[in-house]
Structures are given as C-alpha cells and as structure tokens.
Amino acid sequence: MFLNWSEYRSTLFATLGKFAKMQPEFMKGIQQMDKGVSEHQHLDPKTHELIALAVAVTTRCDGCLSVHVDAAAKHGATREEIAEALAVAINLNAGAAMVYTARALDVYDNLPQK
C-alpha cells in the first residue's frame, strides 16, 4: 500500500481546517463553488465522482484521489467503474502529450537560428 489513505484524508482535512480559519472568506468561496457543482442537475453523484477521479489523476492530486475514491465508492462506484474512468484519464493524458509533441516540434520549426 502506498499510503494509509484514511489517515492521510483525516490529516488533510485537519490541515485544511486550520487553513480555513486563516482564510475564511476564501474558503466560503470554495464551499460555494463546491455547492454549485454538487447540485446534480443532470449528472448523478457517482458520475460526478468518477469525473473528479479522472481529473485527480491528470492533476496528480493525492488528496483529491483520497477524497473522491471514497466518495465514489459511497455513491456505488465499483472498482471496475473507477478503473474505467481512470483509463479514460490515462488516455487523455497520452493524447495531451501527443498534442504538446506537435507544439514542441512547431517551436523547433519556428526557431530563427535553424
């Protein structure tokens, strides 16, 4: 096991709680944004969490993984559904790397000292 994820999540929440006391107005804004995406007008909560996991993998956020895997499971996501969502994220990262490969070659092609 990489980490004790439950312990990590608890420590993360405790640390963010301290930050919230230092920056209460900022945290109110974050909470308002979270509330806005949590209203589930068109997507069910499990789908929201699977999207969050895909983003967490692409942004390499351990805290996000810890929180959203837990939430996805609580909303009924199976290990297989989580794996499928993560495969989509991996594929997108590969695609993004290919796009940026084209951009890097474009930079080279436009160097003045060739």
PDB file of N, CA and C in Angstrom:
ATOM      1  N   MET A   1       0.847  -1.182   0.000  1.00  0.00           N
ATOM      2  CA  MET A   1       0.000   0.000   0.000  1.00  0.00           C
ATOM      3  C   MET A   1       0.890   1.242   0.000  1.00  0.00           C
ATOM      4  N   PHE A   2       0.553   2.228  -0.810  1.00  0.00           N
ATOM      5  CA  PHE A   2       1.332   3.455  -0.902  1.00  0.00           C
ATOM      6  C   PHE A   2       1.211   4.287   0.373  1.00  0.00           C
ATOM      7  N   LEU A   3      -0.020   4.517   0.784  1.00  0.00           N
ATOM      8  CA  LEU A   3      -0.301   5.343   1.963  1.00  0.00           C
ATOM      9  C   LEU A   3      -1.438   4.718   2.748  1.00  0.00           C
ATOM     10  N   ASN A   4      -1.559   5.118   3.993  1.00  0.00           N
ATOM     11  CA  ASN A   4      -2.779   4.824   4.737  1.00  0.00           C
ATOM     12  C   ASN A   4      -3.744   5.946   4.355  1.00  0.00           C
ATOM     13  N   TRP A   5      -4.593   5.681   3.384  1.00  0.00           N
ATOM     14  CA  TRP A   5      -5.410   6.730   2.782  1.00  0.00           C
ATOM     15  C   TRP A   5      -6.412   7.330   3.751  1.00  0.00           C
ATOM     16  N   SER A   6      -6.938   6.525   4.658  1.00  0.00           N
ATOM     17  CA  SER A   6      -7.880   7.071   5.654  1.00  0.00           C
ATOM     18  C   SER A   6      -7.167   8.048   6.583  1.00  0.00           C
ATOM     19  N   GLU A   7      -5.974   7.676   7.008  1.00  0.00           N
ATOM     20  CA  GLU A   7      -5.182   8.565   7.862  1.00  0.00           C
ATOM     21  C   GLU A   7      -4.783   9.825   7.091  1.00  0.00           C
ATOM     22  N   TYR A   8      -4.374   9.646   5.853  1.00  0.00           N
ATOM     23  CA  TYR A   8      -3.994  10.774   5.010  1.00  0.00           C
ATOM     24  C   TYR A   8      -5.166  11.747   4.864  1.00  0.00           C
ATOM     25  N   ARG A   9      -6.355  11.191   4.583  1.00  0.00           N
ATOM     26  CA  ARG A   9      -7.549  12.030   4.394  1.00  0.00           C
ATOM     27  C   ARG A   9      -7.864  12.799   5.674  1.00  0.00           C
ATOM     28  N   SER A  10      -7.767  12.131   6.816  1.00  0.00           N
ATOM     29  CA  SER A  10      -8.034  12.807   8.100  1.00  0.00           C
ATOM     30  C   SER A  10      -7.037  13.920   8.359  1.00  0.00           C
ATOM     31  N   THR A  11      -5.766  13.653   8.091  1.00  0.00           N
ATOM     32  CA  THR A  11      -4.722  14.665   8.288  1.00  0.00           C
ATOM     33  C   THR A  11      -4.928  15.832   7.328  1.00  0.00           C
ATOM     34  N   LEU A  12      -5.279  15.515   6.093  1.00  0.00           N
ATOM     35  CA  LEU A  12      -5.536  16.554   5.093  1.00  0.00           C
ATOM     36  C   LEU A  12      -6.676  17.464   5.543  1.00  0.00           C
ATOM     37  N   PHE A  13      -7.780  16.871   5.980  1.00  0.00           N
ATOM     38  CA  PHE A  13      -8.927  17.670   6.428  1.00  0.00           C
ATOM     39  C   PHE A  13      -8.566  18.528   7.634  1.00  0.00           C
ATOM     40  N   ALA A  14      -7.781  17.978   8.547  1.00  0.00           N
ATOM     41  CA  ALA A  14      -7.371  18.749   9.728  1.00  0.00           C
ATOM     42  C   ALA A  14      -6.512  19.947   9.314  1.00  0.00           C
ATOM     43  N   THR A  15      -5.581  19.724   8.403  1.00  0.00           N
ATOM     44  CA  THR A  15      -4.711  20.799   7.944  1.00  0.00           C
ATOM     45  C   THR A  15      -5.503  21.852   7.173  1.00  0.00           C
ATOM     46  N   LEU A  16      -6.423  21.396   6.335  1.00  0.00           N
ATOM     47  CA  LEU A  16      -7.246  22.352   5.591  1.00  0.00           C
ATOM     48  C   LEU A  16      -8.191  23.108   6.523  1.00  0.00           C
ATOM     49  N   GLY A  17      -8.590  22.481   7.618  1.00  0.00           N
ATOM     50  CA  GLY A  17      -9.403  23.175   8.622  1.00  0.00           C
ATOM     51  C   GLY A  17      -8.644  24.337   9.228  1.00  0.00           C
ATOM     52  N   LYS A  18      -7.349  24.141   9.483  1.00  0.00           N
ATOM     53  CA  LYS A  18      -6.509  25.223  10.008  1.00  0.00           C
ATOM     54  C   LYS A  18      -6.382  26.344   8.970  1.00  0.00           C
ATOM     55  N   PHE A  19      -6.200  25.940   7.713  1.00  0.00           N
ATOM     56  CA  PHE A  19      -6.116  26.931   6.640  1.00  0.00           C
ATOM     57  C   PHE A  19      -7.421  27.726   6.555  1.00  0.00           C
ATOM     58  N   ALA A  20      -8.545  27.032   6.692  1.00  0.00           N
ATOM     59  CA  ALA A  20      -9.854  27.691   6.610  1.00  0.00           C
ATOM     60  C   ALA A  20     -10.011  28.755   7.690  1.00  0.00           C
ATOM     61  N   LYS A  21      -9.456  28.500   8.860  1.00  0.00           N
ATOM     62  CA  LYS A  21      -9.525  29.503   9.936  1.00  0.00           C
ATOM     63  C   LYS A  21      -8.688  30.732   9.595  1.00  0.00           C
ATOM     64  N   MET A  22      -7.617  30.525   8.831  1.00  0.00           N
ATOM     65  CA  MET A  22      -6.755  31.633   8.436  1.00  0.00           C
ATOM     66  C   MET A  22      -7.334  32.398   7.250  1.00  0.00           C
ATOM     67  N   GLN A  23      -8.117  31.712   6.409  1.00  0.00           N
ATOM     68  CA  GLN A  23      -8.650  32.302   5.181  1.00  0.00           C
ATOM     69  C   GLN A  23     -10.156  31.999   5.057  1.00  0.00           C
ATOM     70  N   PRO A  24     -10.966  32.484   5.985  1.00  0.00           N
ATOM     71  CA  PRO A  24     -12.381  32.110   5.985  1.00  0.00           C
ATOM     72  C   PRO A  24     -13.159  32.584   4.759  1.00  0.00           C
ATOM     73  N   GLU A  25     -12.890  33.762   4.263  1.00  0.00           N
ATOM     74  CA  GLU A  25     -13.629  34.254   3.096  1.00  0.00           C
ATOM     75  C   GLU A  25     -13.297  33.444   1.848  1.00  0.00           C
ATOM     76  N   PHE A  26     -12.029  33.116   1.700  1.00  0.00           N
ATOM     77  CA  PHE A  26     -11.607  32.277   0.579  1.00  0.00           C
ATOM     78  C   PHE A  26     -12.320  30.928   0.641  1.00  0.00           C
ATOM     79  N   MET A  27     -12.342  30.316   1.817  1.00  0.00           N
ATOM     80  CA  MET A  27     -12.969  29.006   1.972  1.00  0.00           C
ATOM     81  C   MET A  27     -14.475  29.072   1.739  1.00  0.00           C
ATOM     82  N   LYS A  28     -15.106  30.185   2.091  1.00  0.00           N
ATOM     83  CA  LYS A  28     -16.533  30.339   1.780  1.00  0.00           C
ATOM     84  C   LYS A  28     -16.749  30.288   0.276  1.00  0.00           C
ATOM     85  N   GLY A  29     -15.847  30.919  -0.462  1.00  0.00           N
ATOM     86  CA  GLY A  29     -15.934  30.896  -1.920  1.00  0.00           C
ATOM     87  C   GLY A  29     -15.748  29.492  -2.475  1.00  0.00           C
ATOM     88  N   ILE A  30     -14.785  28.758  -1.946  1.00  0.00           N
ATOM     89  CA  ILE A  30     -14.557  27.374  -2.370  1.00  0.00           C
ATOM     90  C   ILE A  30     -15.785  26.524  -2.057  1.00  0.00           C
ATOM     91  N   GLN A  31     -16.348  26.706  -0.862  1.00  0.00           N
ATOM     92  CA  GLN A  31     -17.538  25.938  -0.473  1.00  0.00           C
ATOM     93  C   GLN A  31     -18.721  26.271  -1.368  1.00  0.00           C
ATOM     94  N   GLN A  32     -18.855  27.528  -1.754  1.00  0.00           N
ATOM     95  CA  GLN A  32     -19.936  27.936  -2.642  1.00  0.00           C
ATOM     96  C   GLN A  32     -19.765  27.285  -4.011  1.00  0.00           C
ATOM     97  N   MET A  33     -18.527  27.249  -4.504  1.00  0.00           N
ATOM     98  CA  MET A  33     -18.257  26.611  -5.777  1.00  0.00           C
ATOM     99  C   MET A  33     -18.578  25.114  -5.685  1.00  0.00           C
ATOM    100  N   ASP A  34     -18.163  24.476  -4.608  1.00  0.00           N
ATOM    101  CA  ASP A  34     -18.441  23.059  -4.404  1.00  0.00           C
ATOM    102  C   ASP A  34     -19.946  22.801  -4.352  1.00  0.00           C
ATOM    103  N   LYS A  35     -20.666  23.687  -3.680  1.00  0.00           N
ATOM    104  CA  LYS A  35     -22.121  23.559  -3.606  1.00  0.00           C
ATOM    105  C   LYS A  35     -22.735  23.633  -4.999  1.00  0.00           C
ATOM    106  N   GLY A  36     -22.217  24.539  -5.809  1.00  0.00           N
ATOM    107  CA  GLY A  36     -22.747  24.708  -7.156  1.00  0.00           C
ATOM    108  C   GLY A  36     -22.599  23.469  -8.016  1.00  0.00           C
ATOM    109  N   VAL A  37     -21.482  22.766  -7.900  1.00  0.00           N
ATOM    110  CA  VAL A  37     -21.295  21.557  -8.705  1.00  0.00           C
ATOM    111  C   VAL A  37     -21.914  20.329  -8.058  1.00  0.00           C
ATOM    112  N   SER A  38     -22.333  20.447  -6.824  1.00  0.00           N
ATOM    113  CA  SER A  38     -22.912  19.305  -6.114  1.00  0.00           C
ATOM    114  C   SER A  38     -24.424  19.247  -6.205  1.00  0.00           C
ATOM    115  N   GLU A  39     -25.033  20.161  -6.930  1.00  0.00           N
ATOM    116  CA  GLU A  39     -26.489  20.181  -7.018  1.00  0.00           C
ATOM    117  C   GLU A  39     -27.040  19.077  -7.908  1.00  0.00           C
ATOM    118  N   HIS A  40     -26.190  18.451  -8.733  1.00  0.00           N
ATOM    119  CA  HIS A  40     -26.555  17.278  -9.521  1.00  0.00           C
ATOM    120  C   HIS A  40     -27.822  17.486 -10.341  1.00  0.00           C
ATOM    121  N   GLN A  41     -27.800  18.491 -11.169  1.00  0.00           N
ATOM    122  CA  GLN A  41     -28.964  18.767 -12.004  1.00  0.00           C
ATOM    123  C   GLN A  41     -29.086  17.776 -13.161  1.00  0.00           C
ATOM    124  N   HIS A  42     -27.959  17.331 -13.702  1.00  0.00           N
ATOM    125  CA  HIS A  42     -28.009  16.458 -14.873  1.00  0.00           C
ATOM    126  C   HIS A  42     -27.189  15.184 -14.709  1.00  0.00           C
ATOM    127  N   LEU A  43     -26.158  15.229 -13.907  1.00  0.00           N
ATOM    128  CA  LEU A  43     -25.322  14.056 -13.677  1.00  0.00           C
ATOM    129  C   LEU A  43     -25.546  13.545 -12.260  1.00  0.00           C
ATOM    130  N   ASP A  44     -25.563  12.236 -12.118  1.00  0.00           N
ATOM    131  CA  ASP A  44     -25.744  11.667 -10.784  1.00  0.00           C
ATOM    132  C   ASP A  44     -24.442  11.790  -9.978  1.00  0.00           C
ATOM    133  N   PRO A  45     -24.535  11.662  -8.654  1.00  0.00           N
ATOM    134  CA  PRO A  45     -23.347  11.838  -7.801  1.00  0.00           C
ATOM    135  C   PRO A  45     -22.195  10.893  -8.138  1.00  0.00           C
ATOM    136  N   LYS A  46     -22.497   9.655  -8.512  1.00  0.00           N
ATOM    137  CA  LYS A  46     -21.425   8.714  -8.854  1.00  0.00           C
ATOM    138  C   LYS A  46     -20.654   9.210 -10.075  1.00  0.00           C
ATOM    139  N   THR A  47     -21.369   9.706 -11.080  1.00  0.00           N
ATOM    140  CA  THR A  47     -20.712  10.219 -12.280  1.00  0.00           C
ATOM    141  C   THR A  47     -19.850  11.431 -11.943  1.00  0.00           C
ATOM    142  N   HIS A  48     -20.354  12.310 -11.082  1.00  0.00           N
ATOM    143  CA  HIS A  48     -19.548  13.451 -10.631  1.00  0.00           C
ATOM    144  C   HIS A  48     -18.234  12.972 -10.038  1.00  0.00           C
ATOM    145  N   GLU A  49     -18.317  11.968  -9.183  1.00  0.00           N
ATOM    146  CA  GLU A  49     -17.102  11.471  -8.516  1.00  0.00           C
ATOM    147  C   GLU A  49     -16.158  10.790  -9.485  1.00  0.00           C
ATOM    148  N   LEU A  50     -16.672  10.080 -10.470  1.00  0.00           N
ATOM    149  CA  LEU A  50     -15.811   9.446 -11.471  1.00  0.00           C
ATOM    150  C   LEU A  50     -15.094  10.505 -12.309  1.00  0.00           C
ATOM    151  N   ILE A  51     -15.788  11.581 -12.637  1.00  0.00           N
ATOM    152  CA  ILE A  51     -15.146  12.696 -13.349  1.00  0.00           C
ATOM    153  C   ILE A  51     -14.062  13.309 -12.459  1.00  0.00           C
ATOM    154  N   ALA A  52     -14.395  13.512 -11.188  1.00  0.00           N
ATOM    155  CA  ALA A  52     -13.410  14.082 -10.256  1.00  0.00           C
ATOM    156  C   ALA A  52     -12.175  13.196 -10.164  1.00  0.00           C
ATOM    157  N   LEU A  53     -12.363  11.888 -10.182  1.00  0.00           N
ATOM    158  CA  LEU A  53     -11.211  10.977 -10.133  1.00  0.00           C
ATOM    159  C   LEU A  53     -10.357  11.085 -11.389  1.00  0.00           C
ATOM    160  N   ALA A  54     -10.999  11.191 -12.527  1.00  0.00           N
ATOM    161  CA  ALA A  54     -10.233  11.338 -13.763  1.00  0.00           C
ATOM    162  C   ALA A  54      -9.396  12.613 -13.726  1.00  0.00           C
ATOM    163  N   VAL A  55      -9.994  13.677 -13.231  1.00  0.00           N
ATOM    164  CA  VAL A  55      -9.258  14.943 -13.113  1.00  0.00           C
ATOM    165  C   VAL A  55      -8.145  14.803 -12.073  1.00  0.00           C
ATOM    166  N   ALA A  56      -8.433  14.125 -10.970  1.00  0.00           N
ATOM    167  CA  ALA A  56      -7.426  13.938  -9.911  1.00  0.00           C
ATOM    168  C   ALA A  56      -6.194  13.219 -10.439  1.00  0.00           C
ATOM    169  N   VAL A  57      -6.408  12.231 -11.291  1.00  0.00           N
ATOM    170  CA  VAL A  57      -5.273  11.504 -11.864  1.00  0.00           C
ATOM    171  C   VAL A  57      -4.479  12.406 -12.802  1.00  0.00           C
ATOM    172  N   THR A  58      -5.173  13.194 -13.613  1.00  0.00           N
ATOM    173  CA  THR A  58      -4.454  14.043 -14.563  1.00  0.00           C
ATOM    174  C   THR A  58      -3.737  15.197 -13.873  1.00  0.00           C
ATOM    175  N   THR A  59      -4.223  15.615 -12.705  1.00  0.00           N
ATOM    176  CA  THR A  59      -3.561  16.698 -11.968  1.00  0.00           C
ATOM    177  C   THR A  59      -2.626  16.172 -10.880  1.00  0.00           C
ATOM    178  N   ARG A  60      -2.590  14.861 -10.722  1.00  0.00           N
ATOM    179  CA  ARG A  60      -1.700  14.192  -9.748  1.00  0.00           C
ATOM    180  C   ARG A  60      -1.932  14.693  -8.320  1.00  0.00           C
ATOM    181  N   CYS A  61      -3.182  14.677  -7.901  1.00  0.00           N
ATOM    182  CA  CYS A  61      -3.561  15.193  -6.580  1.00  0.00           C
ATOM    183  C   CYS A  61      -3.921  14.041  -5.644  1.00  0.00           C
ATOM    184  N   ASP A  62      -3.001  13.689  -4.736  1.00  0.00           N
ATOM    185  CA  ASP A  62      -3.265  12.608  -3.785  1.00  0.00           C
ATOM    186  C   ASP A  62      -4.470  12.890  -2.900  1.00  0.00           C
ATOM    187  N   GLY A  63      -4.602  14.130  -2.447  1.00  0.00           N
ATOM    188  CA  GLY A  63      -5.745  14.478  -1.616  1.00  0.00           C
ATOM    189  C   GLY A  63      -7.055  14.280  -2.362  1.00  0.00           C
ATOM    190  N   CYS A  64      -7.062  14.691  -3.622  1.00  0.00           N
ATOM    191  CA  CYS A  64      -8.255  14.514  -4.455  1.00  0.00           C
ATOM    192  C   CYS A  64      -8.569  13.034  -4.631  1.00  0.00           C
ATOM    193  N   LEU A  65      -7.537  12.227  -4.876  1.00  0.00           N
ATOM    194  CA  LEU A  65      -7.756  10.789  -5.013  1.00  0.00           C
ATOM    195  C   LEU A  65      -8.381  10.220  -3.752  1.00  0.00           C
ATOM    196  N   SER A  66      -7.816  10.572  -2.621  1.00  0.00           N
ATOM    197  CA  SER A  66      -8.303  10.054  -1.348  1.00  0.00           C
ATOM    198  C   SER A  66      -9.762  10.402  -1.120  1.00  0.00           C
ATOM    199  N   VAL A  67     -10.111  11.646  -1.351  1.00  0.00           N
ATOM    200  CA  VAL A  67     -11.477  12.126  -1.109  1.00  0.00           C
ATOM    201  C   VAL A  67     -12.455  11.533  -2.128  1.00  0.00           C
ATOM    202  N   HIS A  68     -12.078  11.551  -3.401  1.00  0.00           N
ATOM    203  CA  HIS A  68     -13.042  11.188  -4.436  1.00  0.00           C
ATOM    204  C   HIS A  68     -13.176   9.682  -4.661  1.00  0.00           C
ATOM    205  N   VAL A  69     -12.151   8.895  -4.375  1.00  0.00           N
ATOM    206  CA  VAL A  69     -12.335   7.443  -4.397  1.00  0.00           C
ATOM    207  C   VAL A  69     -13.321   7.055  -3.303  1.00  0.00           C
ATOM    208  N   ASP A  70     -13.127   7.609  -2.120  1.00  0.00           N
ATOM    209  CA  ASP A  70     -14.032   7.347  -1.002  1.00  0.00           C
ATOM    210  C   ASP A  70     -15.467   7.752  -1.364  1.00  0.00           C
ATOM    211  N   ALA A  71     -15.632   8.940  -1.907  1.00  0.00           N
ATOM    212  CA  ALA A  71     -16.974   9.425  -2.274  1.00  0.00           C
ATOM    213  C   ALA A  71     -17.584   8.586  -3.398  1.00  0.00           C
ATOM    214  N   ALA A  72     -16.777   8.219  -4.387  1.00  0.00           N
ATOM    215  CA  ALA A  72     -17.292   7.401  -5.493  1.00  0.00           C
ATOM    216  C   ALA A  72     -17.794   6.058  -4.972  1.00  0.00           C
ATOM    217  N   ALA A  73     -17.023   5.441  -4.094  1.00  0.00           N
ATOM    218  CA  ALA A  73     -17.439   4.161  -3.515  1.00  0.00           C
ATOM    219  C   ALA A  73     -18.733   4.330  -2.718  1.00  0.00           C
ATOM    220  N   LYS A  74     -18.832   5.415  -1.959  1.00  0.00           N
ATOM    221  CA  LYS A  74     -20.049   5.667  -1.182  1.00  0.00           C
ATOM    222  C   LYS A  74     -21.259   5.882  -2.086  1.00  0.00           C
ATOM    223  N   HIS A  75     -21.034   6.338  -3.311  1.00  0.00           N
ATOM    224  CA  HIS A  75     -22.126   6.542  -4.264  1.00  0.00           C
ATOM    225  C   HIS A  75     -22.327   5.321  -5.158  1.00  0.00           C
ATOM    226  N   GLY A  76     -21.670   4.210  -4.804  1.00  0.00           N
ATOM    227  CA  GLY A  76     -21.907   2.954  -5.500  1.00  0.00           C
ATOM    228  C   GLY A  76     -20.960   2.602  -6.621  1.00  0.00           C
ATOM    229  N   ALA A  77     -19.908   3.376  -6.828  1.00  0.00           N
ATOM    230  CA  ALA A  77     -18.953   3.054  -7.893  1.00  0.00           C
ATOM    231  C   ALA A  77     -18.196   1.779  -7.533  1.00  0.00           C
ATOM    232  N   THR A  78     -18.066   0.911  -8.515  1.00  0.00           N
ATOM    233  CA  THR A  78     -17.302  -0.313  -8.322  1.00  0.00           C
ATOM    234  C   THR A  78     -15.836  -0.064  -8.665  1.00  0.00           C
ATOM    235  N   ARG A  79     -14.998  -0.989  -8.275  1.00  0.00           N
ATOM    236  CA  ARG A  79     -13.575  -0.904  -8.611  1.00  0.00           C
ATOM    237  C   ARG A  79     -13.406  -0.865 -10.134  1.00  0.00           C
ATOM    238  N   GLU A  80     -14.227  -1.647 -10.841  1.00  0.00           N
ATOM    239  CA  GLU A  80     -14.154  -1.701 -12.299  1.00  0.00           C
ATOM    240  C   GLU A  80     -14.571  -0.376 -12.933  1.00  0.00           C
ATOM    241  N   GLU A  81     -15.600   0.270 -12.393  1.00  0.00           N
ATOM    242  CA  GLU A  81     -16.018   1.575 -12.919  1.00  0.00           C
ATOM    243  C   GLU A  81     -14.947   2.632 -12.677  1.00  0.00           C
ATOM    244  N   ILE A  82     -14.352   2.587 -11.504  1.00  0.00           N
ATOM    245  CA  ILE A  82     -13.265   3.517 -11.196  1.00  0.00           C
ATOM    246  C   ILE A  82     -12.099   3.289 -12.156  1.00  0.00           C
ATOM    247  N   ALA A  83     -11.744   2.025 -12.384  1.00  0.00           N
ATOM    248  CA  ALA A  83     -10.646   1.704 -13.300  1.00  0.00           C
ATOM    249  C   ALA A  83     -10.949   2.200 -14.715  1.00  0.00           C
ATOM    250  N   GLU A  84     -12.191   2.064 -15.151  1.00  0.00           N
ATOM    251  CA  GLU A  84     -12.557   2.533 -16.490  1.00  0.00           C
ATOM    252  C   GLU A  84     -12.437   4.051 -16.599  1.00  0.00           C
ATOM    253  N   ALA A  85     -12.896   4.765 -15.576  1.00  0.00           N
ATOM    254  CA  ALA A  85     -12.773   6.224 -15.576  1.00  0.00           C
ATOM    255  C   ALA A  85     -11.299   6.635 -15.594  1.00  0.00           C
ATOM    256  N   LEU A  86     -10.480   5.916 -14.853  1.00  0.00           N
ATOM    257  CA  LEU A  86      -9.057   6.231 -14.811  1.00  0.00           C
ATOM    258  C   LEU A  86      -8.375   5.902 -16.133  1.00  0.00           C
ATOM    259  N   ALA A  87      -8.837   4.870 -16.823  1.00  0.00           N
ATOM    260  CA  ALA A  87      -8.289   4.550 -18.140  1.00  0.00           C
ATOM    261  C   ALA A  87      -8.572   5.685 -19.129  1.00  0.00           C
ATOM    262  N   VAL A  88      -9.756   6.280 -19.025  1.00  0.00           N
ATOM    263  CA  VAL A  88     -10.082   7.438 -19.866  1.00  0.00           C
ATOM    264  C   VAL A  88      -9.106   8.575 -19.568  1.00  0.00           C
ATOM    265  N   ALA A  89      -8.826   8.804 -18.275  1.00  0.00           N
ATOM    266  CA  ALA A  89      -7.895   9.868 -17.887  1.00  0.00           C
ATOM    267  C   ALA A  89      -6.493   9.596 -18.428  1.00  0.00           C
ATOM    268  N   ILE A  90      -6.046   8.351 -18.339  1.00  0.00           N
ATOM    269  CA  ILE A  90      -4.722   7.987 -18.854  1.00  0.00           C
ATOM    270  C   ILE A  90      -4.653   8.239 -20.358  1.00  0.00           C
ATOM    271  N   ASN A  91      -5.713   7.829 -21.050  1.00  0.00           N
ATOM    272  CA  ASN A  91      -5.758   8.026 -22.496  1.00  0.00           C
ATOM    273  C   ASN A  91      -5.712   9.514 -22.846  1.00  0.00           C
ATOM    274  N   LEU A  92      -6.447  10.318 -22.102  1.00  0.00           N
ATOM    275  CA  LEU A  92      -6.448  11.754 -22.361  1.00  0.00           C
ATOM    276  C   LEU A  92      -5.063  12.348 -22.118  1.00  0.00           C
ATOM    277  N   ASN A  93      -4.395  11.894 -21.064  1.00  0.00           N
ATOM    278  CA  ASN A  93      -3.035  12.384 -20.814  1.00  0.00           C
ATOM    279  C   ASN A  93      -2.106  12.027 -21.965  1.00  0.00           C
ATOM    280  N   ALA A  94      -2.256  10.820 -22.496  1.00  0.00           N
ATOM    281  CA  ALA A  94      -1.433  10.425 -23.639  1.00  0.00           C
ATOM    282  C   ALA A  94      -1.744  11.314 -24.844  1.00  0.00           C
ATOM    283  N   GLY A  95      -3.028  11.583 -25.055  1.00  0.00           N
ATOM    284  CA  GLY A  95      -3.423  12.465 -26.152  1.00  0.00           C
ATOM    285  C   GLY A  95      -2.867  13.859 -25.981  1.00  0.00           C
ATOM    286  N   ALA A  96      -2.918  14.359 -24.746  1.00  0.00           N
ATOM    287  CA  ALA A  96      -2.378  15.693 -24.476  1.00  0.00           C
ATOM    288  C   ALA A  96      -0.875  15.726 -24.735  1.00  0.00           C
ATOM    289  N   ALA A  97      -0.184  14.660 -24.389  1.00  0.00           N
ATOM    290  CA  ALA A  97       1.255  14.595 -24.647  1.00  0.00           C
ATOM    291  C   ALA A  97       1.526  14.616 -26.152  1.00  0.00           C
ATOM    292  N   MET A  98       0.678  13.948 -26.914  1.00  0.00           N
ATOM    293  CA  MET A  98       0.846  13.972 -28.371  1.00  0.00           C
ATOM    294  C   MET A  98       0.608  15.369 -28.924  1.00  0.00           C
ATOM    295  N   VAL A  99      -0.403  16.059 -28.442  1.00  0.00           N
ATOM    296  CA  VAL A  99      -0.676  17.425 -28.894  1.00  0.00           C
ATOM    297  C   VAL A  99       0.515  18.319 -28.571  1.00  0.00           C
ATOM    298  N   TYR A 100       1.061  18.177 -27.359  1.00  0.00           N
ATOM    299  CA  TYR A 100       2.190  19.014 -26.980  1.00  0.00           C
ATOM    300  C   TYR A 100       3.468  18.607 -27.705  1.00  0.00           C
ATOM    301  N   THR A 101       3.545  17.370 -28.161  1.00  0.00           N
ATOM    302  CA  THR A 101       4.652  16.968 -29.018  1.00  0.00           C
ATOM    303  C   THR A 101       4.612  17.767 -30.320  1.00  0.00           C
ATOM    304  N   ALA A 102       3.431  17.891 -30.893  1.00  0.00           N
ATOM    305  CA  ALA A 102       3.274  18.695 -32.113  1.00  0.00           C
ATOM    306  C   ALA A 102       3.651  20.145 -31.840  1.00  0.00           C
ATOM    307  N   ARG A 103       3.262  20.656 -30.674  1.00  0.00           N
ATOM    308  CA  ARG A 103       3.597  22.041 -30.330  1.00  0.00           C
ATOM    309  C   ARG A 103       5.117  22.205 -30.173  1.00  0.00           C
ATOM    310  N   ALA A 104       5.768  21.229 -29.533  1.00  0.00           N
ATOM    311  CA  ALA A 104       7.227  21.303 -29.359  1.00  0.00           C
ATOM    312  C   ALA A 104       7.925  21.300 -30.706  1.00  0.00           C
ATOM    313  N   LEU A 105       7.457  20.458 -31.612  1.00  0.00           N
ATOM    314  CA  LEU A 105       8.054  20.437 -32.952  1.00  0.00           C
ATOM    315  C   LEU A 105       7.792  21.741 -33.691  1.00  0.00           C
ATOM    316  N   ASP A 106       6.632  22.346 -33.470  1.00  0.00           N
ATOM    317  CA  ASP A 106       6.324  23.640 -34.070  1.00  0.00           C
ATOM    318  C   ASP A 106       7.278  24.715 -33.543  1.00  0.00           C
ATOM    319  N   VAL A 107       7.570  24.662 -32.254  1.00  0.00           N
ATOM    320  CA  VAL A 107       8.541  25.605 -31.683  1.00  0.00           C
ATOM    321  C   VAL A 107       9.870  25.451 -32.403  1.00  0.00           C
ATOM    322  N   TYR A 108      10.324  24.194 -32.534  1.00  0.00           N
ATOM    323  CA  TYR A 108      11.591  23.950 -33.204  1.00  0.00           C
ATOM    324  C   TYR A 108      11.565  24.493 -34.638  1.00  0.00           C
ATOM    325  N   ASP A 109      10.473  24.177 -35.346  1.00  0.00           N
ATOM    326  CA  ASP A 109      10.345  24.615 -36.745  1.00  0.00           C
ATOM    327  C   ASP A 109      10.366  26.126 -36.887  1.00  0.00           C
ATOM    328  N   ASN A 110      10.035  26.835 -35.835  1.00  0.00           N
ATOM    329  CA  ASN A 110       9.975  28.300 -35.896  1.00  0.00           C
ATOM    330  C   ASN A 110      11.158  28.985 -35.221  1.00  0.00           C
ATOM    331  N   LEU A 111      12.186  28.222 -34.873  1.00  0.00           N
ATOM    332  CA  LEU A 111      13.398  28.823 -34.320  1.00  0.00           C
ATOM    333  C   LEU A 111      14.095  29.647 -35.396  1.00  0.00           C
ATOM    334  N   PRO A 112      14.564  30.850 -35.043  1.00  0.00           N
ATOM    335  CA  PRO A 112      15.203  31.697 -36.056  1.00  0.00           C
ATOM    336  C   PRO A 112      16.586  31.195 -36.469  1.00  0.00           C
ATOM    337  N   GLN A 113      17.272  30.457 -35.626  1.00  0.00           N
ATOM    338  CA  GLN A 113      18.657  30.069 -35.906  1.00  0.00           C
ATOM    339  C   GLN A 113      18.764  28.642 -36.452  1.00  0.00           C
ATOM    340  N   LYS A 114      17.883  28.236 -37.314  1.00  0.00           N
ATOM    341  CA  LYS A 114      17.970  26.881 -37.897  1.00  0.00           C
ATOM    342  C   LYS A 114      18.883  26.871 -39.080  1.00  0.00           C
TER     343      LYS A 114
END
